[in-house]
């Protein structure tokens, strides 16, 4: 997120732009999976990943032929 800060003096003003981390605010629990708002907020703050879900996505992509499971190289 890009924010600005303006400093003013009697002769001129100067605006400085700086970056901040995006903040998420969870207002209610998930109606699809039933997780509580605290769990969702914690996952967003920590960047927590679900390894089982990642494996499932990789398996699906392999079945569709979009990625290869292992990269095999021949040594000469």
Protein backbone atom coordinates (compact mmCIF):
# COMPACT_ATOMS: atom_id res chain seq x y z
CA UNK A 1 0.00 0.00 0.00
CA UNK A 2 1.38 3.41 -0.92
CA UNK A 3 0.93 6.26 1.55
CA UNK A 4 2.10 9.84 1.55
CA UNK A 5 3.37 12.19 4.20
CA UNK A 6 3.46 15.96 3.67
CA UNK A 7 5.69 18.29 5.63
CA UNK A 8 5.00 21.99 5.42
CA UNK A 9 7.05 25.03 6.25
CA UNK A 10 6.33 28.71 5.68
CA UNK A 11 8.14 28.70 2.34
CA UNK A 12 7.13 25.37 0.77
CA UNK A 13 5.78 21.88 1.28
CA UNK A 14 7.28 18.50 0.52
CA UNK A 15 5.42 15.23 -0.06
CA UNK A 16 7.18 11.92 0.54
CA UNK A 17 5.67 8.60 -0.55
CA UNK A 18 6.41 5.37 1.30
CA UNK A 19 5.22 1.77 1.24
CA UNK A 20 3.41 -0.01 4.05
CA UNK A 21 2.22 -3.58 4.39
CA UNK A 22 -1.36 -4.27 3.46
CA UNK A 23 -3.63 -4.99 6.38
CA UNK A 24 -6.61 -7.30 6.34
CA UNK A 25 -9.48 -7.19 8.76
CA UNK A 26 -11.73 -10.23 9.01
CA UNK A 27 -15.25 -9.33 10.06
CA UNK A 28 -16.93 -12.73 10.28
CA UNK A 29 -16.27 -16.46 10.03
CA UNK A 30 -16.15 -18.29 6.73
CA UNK A 31 -19.49 -19.66 5.59
CA UNK A 32 -17.83 -22.17 3.21
CA UNK A 33 -15.30 -23.91 5.45
CA UNK A 34 -16.59 -22.87 8.90
CA UNK A 35 -13.29 -21.46 10.18
CA UNK A 36 -13.48 -18.82 12.87
CA UNK A 37 -12.49 -15.20 12.21
CA UNK A 38 -9.47 -15.49 14.54
CA UNK A 39 -8.08 -18.46 12.59
CA UNK A 40 -8.50 -16.63 9.29
CA UNK A 41 -6.87 -13.47 10.69
CA UNK A 42 -3.94 -15.50 12.03
CA UNK A 43 -3.41 -17.20 8.66
CA UNK A 44 -3.46 -13.85 6.84
CA UNK A 45 -0.99 -12.27 9.27
CA UNK A 46 1.46 -15.18 9.24
CA UNK A 47 1.11 -16.13 5.60
CA UNK A 48 0.37 -19.70 6.68
CA UNK A 49 0.15 -22.28 3.92
CA UNK A 50 -1.68 -25.58 3.96
CA UNK A 51 0.74 -28.28 2.71
CA UNK A 52 -2.08 -30.76 1.99
CA UNK A 53 -3.86 -28.26 -0.20
CA UNK A 54 -0.62 -27.47 -2.05
CA UNK A 55 -0.04 -31.19 -2.73
CA UNK A 56 -3.59 -31.50 -4.03
CA UNK A 57 -3.10 -28.54 -6.38
CA UNK A 58 0.22 -29.93 -7.67
CA UNK A 59 -1.36 -33.35 -8.24
CA UNK A 60 -4.22 -31.78 -10.21
CA UNK A 61 -1.79 -29.76 -12.34
CA UNK A 62 0.28 -32.89 -13.06
CA UNK A 63 -2.85 -34.77 -14.15
CA UNK A 64 -3.73 -31.94 -16.52
CA UNK A 65 -0.22 -32.06 -17.95
CA UNK A 66 0.62 -28.47 -17.05
CA UNK A 67 3.65 -29.34 -14.92
CA UNK A 68 5.97 -32.30 -14.62
CA UNK A 69 6.26 -34.13 -11.31
CA UNK A 70 9.99 -34.64 -11.45
CA UNK A 71 12.65 -33.17 -13.64
CA UNK A 72 14.95 -35.90 -14.84
CA UNK A 73 18.30 -35.12 -16.41
CA UNK A 74 20.77 -37.42 -18.07
CA UNK A 75 24.37 -37.19 -16.91
CA UNK A 76 26.91 -37.73 -19.66
